[in-house]
PDB file of N, CA and C in Angstrom:
ATOM      1  N   MET A   1     -41.777 -72.322 -17.912  1.00  0.00           N
ATOM      2  CA  MET A   1     -41.546 -71.785 -16.610  1.00  0.00           C
ATOM      3  C   MET A   1     -41.112 -70.324 -16.747  1.00  0.00           C
ATOM      4  N   PRO A   2     -41.794 -69.406 -16.091  1.00  0.00           N
ATOM      5  CA  PRO A   2     -41.453 -67.989 -16.221  1.00  0.00           C
ATOM      6  C   PRO A   2     -40.130 -67.660 -15.539  1.00  0.00           C
ATOM      7  N   ASN A   3     -39.489 -66.634 -16.047  1.00  0.00           N
ATOM      8  CA  ASN A   3     -38.229 -66.193 -15.441  1.00  0.00           C
ATOM      9  C   ASN A   3     -38.523 -65.516 -14.112  1.00  0.00           C
ATOM     10  N   ARG A   4     -37.836 -65.929 -13.089  1.00  0.00           N
ATOM     11  CA  ARG A   4     -38.049 -65.369 -11.766  1.00  0.00           C
ATOM     12  C   ARG A   4     -37.278 -64.071 -11.576  1.00  0.00           C
ATOM     13  N   TYR A   5     -36.184 -63.937 -12.272  1.00  0.00           N
ATOM     14  CA  TYR A   5     -35.318 -62.769 -12.132  1.00  0.00           C
ATOM     15  C   TYR A   5     -35.258 -62.012 -13.451  1.00  0.00           C
ATOM     16  N   ASP A   6     -35.302 -60.689 -13.370  1.00  0.00           N
ATOM     17  CA  ASP A   6     -35.232 -59.894 -14.593  1.00  0.00           C
ATOM     18  C   ASP A   6     -33.780 -59.743 -15.052  1.00  0.00           C
ATOM     19  N   ALA A   7     -33.618 -59.177 -16.230  1.00  0.00           N
ATOM     20  CA  ALA A   7     -32.285 -59.051 -16.824  1.00  0.00           C
ATOM     21  C   ALA A   7     -31.367 -58.175 -15.975  1.00  0.00           C
ATOM     22  N   ASN A   8     -31.906 -57.142 -15.344  1.00  0.00           N
ATOM     23  CA  ASN A   8     -31.082 -56.263 -14.513  1.00  0.00           C
ATOM     24  C   ASN A   8     -30.518 -57.004 -13.305  1.00  0.00           C
ATOM     25  N   THR A   9     -31.333 -57.853 -12.692  1.00  0.00           N
ATOM     26  CA  THR A   9     -30.880 -58.634 -11.546  1.00  0.00           C
ATOM     27  C   THR A   9     -29.790 -59.604 -11.969  1.00  0.00           C
ATOM     28  N   ARG A  10     -29.974 -60.237 -13.117  1.00  0.00           N
ATOM     29  CA  ARG A  10     -28.954 -61.156 -13.624  1.00  0.00           C
ATOM     30  C   ARG A  10     -27.632 -60.435 -13.870  1.00  0.00           C
ATOM     31  N   ALA A  11     -27.720 -59.288 -14.545  1.00  0.00           N
ATOM     32  CA  ALA A  11     -26.512 -58.524 -14.857  1.00  0.00           C
ATOM     33  C   ALA A  11     -25.815 -58.062 -13.581  1.00  0.00           C
ATOM     34  N   LYS A  12     -26.582 -57.620 -12.595  1.00  0.00           N
ATOM     35  CA  LYS A  12     -26.010 -57.167 -11.323  1.00  0.00           C
ATOM     36  C   LYS A  12     -25.295 -58.314 -10.611  1.00  0.00           C
ATOM     37  N   ALA A  13     -25.922 -59.474 -10.582  1.00  0.00           N
ATOM     38  CA  ALA A  13     -25.333 -60.636  -9.902  1.00  0.00           C
ATOM     39  C   ALA A  13     -24.026 -61.050 -10.574  1.00  0.00           C
ATOM     40  N   ILE A  14     -24.025 -61.100 -11.888  1.00  0.00           N
ATOM     41  CA  ILE A  14     -22.811 -61.472 -12.633  1.00  0.00           C
ATOM     42  C   ILE A  14     -21.714 -60.448 -12.385  1.00  0.00           C
ATOM     43  N   ARG A  15     -22.069 -59.175 -12.427  1.00  0.00           N
ATOM     44  CA  ARG A  15     -21.096 -58.108 -12.198  1.00  0.00           C
ATOM     45  C   ARG A  15     -20.491 -58.205 -10.799  1.00  0.00           C
ATOM     46  N   LEU A  16     -21.333 -58.458  -9.792  1.00  0.00           N
ATOM     47  CA  LEU A  16     -20.829 -58.566  -8.417  1.00  0.00           C
ATOM     48  C   LEU A  16     -19.849 -59.719  -8.262  1.00  0.00           C
ATOM     49  N   VAL A  17     -20.151 -60.852  -8.882  1.00  0.00           N
ATOM     50  CA  VAL A  17     -19.231 -61.992  -8.793  1.00  0.00           C
ATOM     51  C   VAL A  17     -17.901 -61.646  -9.458  1.00  0.00           C
ATOM     52  N   ARG A  18     -17.960 -61.010 -10.616  1.00  0.00           N
ATOM     53  CA  ARG A  18     -16.728 -60.664 -11.322  1.00  0.00           C
ATOM     54  C   ARG A  18     -15.906 -59.653 -10.537  1.00  0.00           C
ATOM     55  N   GLU A  19     -16.578 -58.691  -9.905  1.00  0.00           N
ATOM     56  CA  GLU A  19     -15.865 -57.662  -9.145  1.00  0.00           C
ATOM     57  C   GLU A  19     -15.224 -58.222  -7.868  1.00  0.00           C
ATOM     58  N   HIS A  20     -15.869 -59.199  -7.234  1.00  0.00           N
ATOM     59  CA  HIS A  20     -15.406 -59.699  -5.945  1.00  0.00           C
ATOM     60  C   HIS A  20     -14.770 -61.084  -6.008  1.00  0.00           C
ATOM     61  N   ARG A  21     -14.504 -61.573  -7.196  1.00  0.00           N
ATOM     62  CA  ARG A  21     -13.904 -62.894  -7.386  1.00  0.00           C
ATOM     63  C   ARG A  21     -12.579 -63.016  -6.640  1.00  0.00           C
ATOM     64  N   GLY A  22     -11.808 -61.957  -6.610  1.00  0.00           N
ATOM     65  CA  GLY A  22     -10.504 -61.981  -5.948  1.00  0.00           C
ATOM     66  C   GLY A  22     -10.577 -61.948  -4.428  1.00  0.00           C
ATOM     67  N   ASP A  23     -11.744 -61.615  -3.885  1.00  0.00           N
ATOM     68  CA  ASP A  23     -11.909 -61.536  -2.424  1.00  0.00           C
ATOM     69  C   ASP A  23     -12.151 -62.908  -1.797  1.00  0.00           C
ATOM     70  N   TYR A  24     -12.313 -63.923  -2.596  1.00  0.00           N
ATOM     71  CA  TYR A  24     -12.652 -65.271  -2.109  1.00  0.00           C
ATOM     72  C   TYR A  24     -11.632 -66.270  -2.630  1.00  0.00           C
ATOM     73  N   PRO A  25     -11.478 -67.394  -1.932  1.00  0.00           N
ATOM     74  CA  PRO A  25     -10.464 -68.380  -2.352  1.00  0.00           C
ATOM     75  C   PRO A  25     -10.792 -69.043  -3.695  1.00  0.00           C
ATOM     76  N   THR A  26     -12.071 -69.185  -4.023  1.00  0.00           N
ATOM     77  CA  THR A  26     -12.464 -69.784  -5.295  1.00  0.00           C
ATOM     78  C   THR A  26     -13.594 -68.971  -5.916  1.00  0.00           C
ATOM     79  N   GLU A  27     -13.781 -69.168  -7.203  1.00  0.00           N
ATOM     80  CA  GLU A  27     -14.889 -68.486  -7.872  1.00  0.00           C
ATOM     81  C   GLU A  27     -16.224 -68.953  -7.297  1.00  0.00           C
ATOM     82  N   TYR A  28     -16.317 -70.243  -6.991  1.00  0.00           N
ATOM     83  CA  TYR A  28     -17.579 -70.758  -6.470  1.00  0.00           C
ATOM     84  C   TYR A  28     -17.898 -70.160  -5.098  1.00  0.00           C
ATOM     85  N   ALA A  29     -16.889 -69.869  -4.314  1.00  0.00           N
ATOM     86  CA  ALA A  29     -17.113 -69.217  -3.018  1.00  0.00           C
ATOM     87  C   ALA A  29     -17.693 -67.824  -3.228  1.00  0.00           C
ATOM     88  N   ALA A  30     -17.195 -67.110  -4.233  1.00  0.00           N
ATOM     89  CA  ALA A  30     -17.738 -65.789  -4.559  1.00  0.00           C
ATOM     90  C   ALA A  30     -19.176 -65.915  -5.038  1.00  0.00           C
ATOM     91  N   ILE A  31     -19.436 -66.912  -5.875  1.00  0.00           N
ATOM     92  CA  ILE A  31     -20.792 -67.139  -6.384  1.00  0.00           C
ATOM     93  C   ILE A  31     -21.753 -67.432  -5.235  1.00  0.00           C
ATOM     94  N   THR A  32     -21.334 -68.292  -4.319  1.00  0.00           N
ATOM     95  CA  THR A  32     -22.170 -68.648  -3.177  1.00  0.00           C
ATOM     96  C   THR A  32     -22.479 -67.425  -2.316  1.00  0.00           C
ATOM     97  N   ALA A  33     -21.484 -66.601  -2.069  1.00  0.00           N
ATOM     98  CA  ALA A  33     -21.671 -65.412  -1.233  1.00  0.00           C
ATOM     99  C   ALA A  33     -22.634 -64.421  -1.891  1.00  0.00           C
ATOM    100  N   VAL A  34     -22.420 -64.138  -3.170  1.00  0.00           N
ATOM    101  CA  VAL A  34     -23.272 -63.183  -3.880  1.00  0.00           C
ATOM    102  C   VAL A  34     -24.697 -63.729  -4.002  1.00  0.00           C
ATOM    103  N   ALA A  35     -24.823 -64.991  -4.323  1.00  0.00           N
ATOM    104  CA  ALA A  35     -26.148 -65.597  -4.456  1.00  0.00           C
ATOM    105  C   ALA A  35     -26.914 -65.524  -3.139  1.00  0.00           C
ATOM    106  N   GLY A  36     -26.239 -65.787  -2.038  1.00  0.00           N
ATOM    107  CA  GLY A  36     -26.878 -65.718  -0.731  1.00  0.00           C
ATOM    108  C   GLY A  36     -27.378 -64.323  -0.414  1.00  0.00           C
ATOM    109  N   ARG A  37     -26.596 -63.314  -0.760  1.00  0.00           N
ATOM    110  CA  ARG A  37     -26.996 -61.930  -0.505  1.00  0.00           C
ATOM    111  C   ARG A  37     -28.181 -61.510  -1.366  1.00  0.00           C
ATOM    112  N   LEU A  38     -28.256 -62.046  -2.567  1.00  0.00           N
ATOM    113  CA  LEU A  38     -29.322 -61.641  -3.492  1.00  0.00           C
ATOM    114  C   LEU A  38     -30.545 -62.552  -3.437  1.00  0.00           C
ATOM    115  N   GLY A  39     -30.490 -63.609  -2.631  1.00  0.00           N
ATOM    116  CA  GLY A  39     -31.653 -64.465  -2.452  1.00  0.00           C
ATOM    117  C   GLY A  39     -31.911 -65.446  -3.576  1.00  0.00           C
ATOM    118  N   MET A  40     -30.842 -65.952  -4.170  1.00  0.00           N
ATOM    119  CA  MET A  40     -30.977 -66.949  -5.230  1.00  0.00           C
ATOM    120  C   MET A  40     -30.045 -68.108  -4.917  1.00  0.00           C
ATOM    121  N   THR A  41     -30.178 -69.180  -5.652  1.00  0.00           N
ATOM    122  CA  THR A  41     -29.290 -70.312  -5.418  1.00  0.00           C
ATOM    123  C   THR A  41     -27.964 -70.080  -6.137  1.00  0.00           C
ATOM    124  N   ALA A  42     -26.922 -70.666  -5.599  1.00  0.00           N
ATOM    125  CA  ALA A  42     -25.604 -70.543  -6.210  1.00  0.00           C
ATOM    126  C   ALA A  42     -25.582 -71.191  -7.594  1.00  0.00           C
ATOM    127  N   GLU A  43     -26.324 -72.269  -7.752  1.00  0.00           N
ATOM    128  CA  GLU A  43     -26.353 -72.960  -9.049  1.00  0.00           C
ATOM    129  C   GLU A  43     -26.970 -72.081 -10.128  1.00  0.00           C
ATOM    130  N   THR A  44     -28.008 -71.342  -9.789  1.00  0.00           N
ATOM    131  CA  THR A  44     -28.621 -70.416 -10.742  1.00  0.00           C
ATOM    132  C   THR A  44     -27.604 -69.392 -11.204  1.00  0.00           C
ATOM    133  N   LEU A  45     -26.916 -68.792 -10.261  1.00  0.00           N
ATOM    134  CA  LEU A  45     -25.918 -67.776 -10.592  1.00  0.00           C
ATOM    135  C   LEU A  45     -24.753 -68.376 -11.363  1.00  0.00           C
ATOM    136  N   ARG A  46     -24.328 -69.570 -11.014  1.00  0.00           N
ATOM    137  CA  ARG A  46     -23.241 -70.233 -11.746  1.00  0.00           C
ATOM    138  C   ARG A  46     -23.610 -70.428 -13.211  1.00  0.00           C
ATOM    139  N   LYS A  47     -24.854 -70.837 -13.460  1.00  0.00           N
ATOM    140  CA  LYS A  47     -25.323 -71.037 -14.838  1.00  0.00           C
ATOM    141  C   LYS A  47     -25.365 -69.719 -15.609  1.00  0.00           C
ATOM    142  N   TRP A  48     -25.798 -68.652 -14.949  1.00  0.00           N
ATOM    143  CA  TRP A  48     -25.824 -67.346 -15.609  1.00  0.00           C
ATOM    144  C   TRP A  48     -24.416 -66.908 -16.008  1.00  0.00           C
ATOM    145  N   ILE A  49     -23.457 -67.119 -15.115  1.00  0.00           N
ATOM    146  CA  ILE A  49     -22.078 -66.730 -15.405  1.00  0.00           C
ATOM    147  C   ILE A  49     -21.539 -67.551 -16.569  1.00  0.00           C
ATOM    148  N   ARG A  50     -21.814 -68.839 -16.565  1.00  0.00           N
ATOM    149  CA  ARG A  50     -21.372 -69.721 -17.658  1.00  0.00           C
ATOM    150  C   ARG A  50     -21.969 -69.253 -18.979  1.00  0.00           C
ATOM    151  N   ARG A  51     -23.269 -68.930 -18.989  1.00  0.00           N
ATOM    152  CA  ARG A  51     -23.939 -68.469 -20.212  1.00  0.00           C
ATOM    153  C   ARG A  51     -23.329 -67.155 -20.680  1.00  0.00           C
ATOM    154  N   ALA A  52     -23.032 -66.246 -19.750  1.00  0.00           N
ATOM    155  CA  ALA A  52     -22.423 -64.960 -20.116  1.00  0.00           C
ATOM    156  C   ALA A  52     -21.050 -65.173 -20.738  1.00  0.00           C
ATOM    157  N   GLU A  53     -20.270 -66.112 -20.192  1.00  0.00           N
ATOM    158  CA  GLU A  53     -18.950 -66.394 -20.750  1.00  0.00           C
ATOM    159  C   GLU A  53     -19.058 -66.961 -22.156  1.00  0.00           C
ATOM    160  N   VAL A  54     -20.031 -67.808 -22.401  1.00  0.00           N
ATOM    161  CA  VAL A  54     -20.228 -68.374 -23.738  1.00  0.00           C
ATOM    162  C   VAL A  54     -20.652 -67.266 -24.700  1.00  0.00           C
ATOM    163  N   ASP A  55     -21.597 -66.420 -24.275  1.00  0.00           N
ATOM    164  CA  ASP A  55     -22.074 -65.335 -25.135  1.00  0.00           C
ATOM    165  C   ASP A  55     -20.967 -64.340 -25.468  1.00  0.00           C
ATOM    166  N   GLU A  56     -20.039 -64.145 -24.543  1.00  0.00           N
ATOM    167  CA  GLU A  56     -18.918 -63.223 -24.758  1.00  0.00           C
ATOM    168  C   GLU A  56     -17.776 -63.864 -25.535  1.00  0.00           C
ATOM    169  N   GLY A  57     -17.883 -65.146 -25.818  1.00  0.00           N
ATOM    170  CA  GLY A  57     -16.845 -65.847 -26.561  1.00  0.00           C
ATOM    171  C   GLY A  57     -15.662 -66.273 -25.711  1.00  0.00           C
ATOM    172  N   LYS A  58     -15.806 -66.210 -24.396  1.00  0.00           N
ATOM    173  CA  LYS A  58     -14.716 -66.580 -23.494  1.00  0.00           C
ATOM    174  C   LYS A  58     -14.715 -68.066 -23.161  1.00  0.00           C
ATOM    175  N   ALA A  59     -15.795 -68.762 -23.497  1.00  0.00           N
ATOM    176  CA  ALA A  59     -15.904 -70.194 -23.219  1.00  0.00           C
ATOM    177  C   ALA A  59     -16.573 -70.863 -24.423  1.00  0.00           C
ATOM    178  N   PRO A  60     -16.226 -72.122 -24.678  1.00  0.00           N
ATOM    179  CA  PRO A  60     -16.860 -72.812 -25.808  1.00  0.00           C
ATOM    180  C   PRO A  60     -18.313 -73.142 -25.491  1.00  0.00           C
ATOM    181  N   GLY A  61     -19.114 -73.200 -26.542  1.00  0.00           N
ATOM    182  CA  GLY A  61     -20.513 -73.566 -26.371  1.00  0.00           C
ATOM    183  C   GLY A  61     -21.385 -72.820 -27.359  1.00  0.00           C
ATOM    184  N   THR A  62     -22.666 -73.076 -27.288  1.00  0.00           N
ATOM    185  CA  THR A  62     -23.631 -72.442 -28.169  1.00  0.00           C
ATOM    186  C   THR A  62     -24.153 -71.177 -27.502  1.00  0.00           C
ATOM    187  N   SER A  63     -23.988 -70.042 -28.176  1.00  0.00           N
ATOM    188  CA  SER A  63     -24.415 -68.774 -27.598  1.00  0.00           C
ATOM    189  C   SER A  63     -25.935 -68.671 -27.588  1.00  0.00           C
ATOM    190  N   THR A  64     -26.423 -67.704 -26.839  1.00  0.00           N
ATOM    191  CA  THR A  64     -27.865 -67.475 -26.756  1.00  0.00           C
ATOM    192  C   THR A  64     -28.422 -67.129 -28.127  1.00  0.00           C
ATOM    193  N   ALA A  65     -27.729 -66.291 -28.872  1.00  0.00           N
ATOM    194  CA  ALA A  65     -28.198 -65.899 -30.201  1.00  0.00           C
ATOM    195  C   ALA A  65     -28.267 -67.108 -31.133  1.00  0.00           C
ATOM    196  N   GLU A  66     -27.274 -67.982 -31.068  1.00  0.00           N
ATOM    197  CA  GLU A  66     -27.293 -69.184 -31.900  1.00  0.00           C
ATOM    198  C   GLU A  66     -28.437 -70.109 -31.505  1.00  0.00           C
ATOM    199  N   SER A  67     -28.694 -70.230 -30.210  1.00  0.00           N
ATOM    200  CA  SER A  67     -29.792 -71.074 -29.735  1.00  0.00           C
ATOM    201  C   SER A  67     -31.137 -70.555 -30.230  1.00  0.00           C
ATOM    202  N   VAL A  68     -31.301 -69.241 -30.178  1.00  0.00           N
ATOM    203  CA  VAL A  68     -32.546 -68.632 -30.667  1.00  0.00           C
ATOM    204  C   VAL A  68     -32.701 -68.900 -32.154  1.00  0.00           C
ATOM    205  N   GLN A  69     -31.618 -68.759 -32.899  1.00  0.00           N
ATOM    206  CA  GLN A  69     -31.669 -68.989 -34.340  1.00  0.00           C
ATOM    207  C   GLN A  69     -32.028 -70.445 -34.655  1.00  0.00           C
ATOM    208  N   VAL A  70     -31.442 -71.387 -33.955  1.00  0.00           N
ATOM    209  CA  VAL A  70     -31.737 -72.801 -34.183  1.00  0.00           C
ATOM    210  C   VAL A  70     -33.203 -73.100 -33.873  1.00  0.00           C
ATOM    211  N   ARG A  71     -33.702 -72.562 -32.741  1.00  0.00           N
ATOM    212  CA  ARG A  71     -35.116 -72.775 -32.401  1.00  0.00           C
ATOM    213  C   ARG A  71     -36.039 -72.228 -33.482  1.00  0.00           C
ATOM    214  N   GLU A  72     -35.721 -71.044 -33.988  1.00  0.00           N
ATOM    215  CA  GLU A  72     -36.539 -70.427 -35.036  1.00  0.00           C
ATOM    216  C   GLU A  72     -36.501 -71.267 -36.320  1.00  0.00           C
ATOM    217  N   LEU A  73     -35.334 -71.758 -36.688  1.00  0.00           N
ATOM    218  CA  LEU A  73     -35.225 -72.589 -37.885  1.00  0.00           C
ATOM    219  C   LEU A  73     -35.979 -73.906 -37.719  1.00  0.00           C
ATOM    220  N   LYS A  74     -35.911 -74.495 -36.534  1.00  0.00           N
ATOM    221  CA  LYS A  74     -36.667 -75.734 -36.287  1.00  0.00           C
ATOM    222  C   LYS A  74     -38.163 -75.485 -36.373  1.00  0.00           C
ATOM    223  N   ARG A  75     -38.613 -74.343 -35.836  1.00  0.00           N
ATOM    224  CA  ARG A  75     -40.037 -73.987 -35.916  1.00  0.00           C
ATOM    225  C   ARG A  75     -40.468 -73.832 -37.371  1.00  0.00           C
ATOM    226  N   LYS A  76     -39.678 -73.139 -38.166  1.00  0.00           N
ATOM    227  CA  LYS A  76     -39.991 -72.950 -39.585  1.00  0.00           C
ATOM    228  C   LYS A  76     -40.007 -74.283 -40.314  1.00  0.00           C
ATOM    229  N   ASN A  77     -39.072 -75.157 -39.959  1.00  0.00           N
ATOM    230  CA  ASN A  77     -38.991 -76.470 -40.593  1.00  0.00           C
ATOM    231  C   ASN A  77     -40.265 -77.280 -40.298  1.00  0.00           C
ATOM    232  N   ARG A  78     -40.729 -77.235 -39.038  1.00  0.00           N
ATOM    233  CA  ARG A  78     -41.975 -77.950 -38.691  1.00  0.00           C
ATOM    234  C   ARG A  78     -43.157 -77.402 -39.475  1.00  0.00           C
ATOM    235  N   GLU A  79     -43.207 -76.097 -39.677  1.00  0.00           N
ATOM    236  CA  GLU A  79     -44.302 -75.492 -40.428  1.00  0.00           C
ATOM    237  C   GLU A  79     -44.273 -75.942 -41.886  1.00  0.00           C
ATOM    238  N   LEU A  80     -43.087 -76.076 -42.448  1.00  0.00           N
ATOM    239  CA  LEU A  80     -42.970 -76.469 -43.856  1.00  0.00           C
ATOM    240  C   LEU A  80     -43.291 -77.959 -44.055  1.00  0.00           C
ATOM    241  N   GLU A  81     -43.069 -78.757 -43.036  1.00  0.00           N
ATOM    242  CA  GLU A  81     -43.359 -80.183 -43.160  1.00  0.00           C
ATOM    243  C   GLU A  81     -44.843 -80.354 -43.129  1.00  0.00           C
TER     244      GLU A  81
END
């Protein structure tokens, strides 16, 4: 499935939520407001924020770089088999 939003749009959406998080009673309220303004679903934006937190080391999980490395190693392993 192709990416519907480019990297700049993702970065802008994440930045807006972080900047305006204090203007709303909850983080999800900020996510919903920003997502509505940018024409995306709140769940999409929530996932982007979660991924950014993992990549920045602020939340536990597998980073994007680690995921890419694992996929590449699995591909190489299939070729060797």
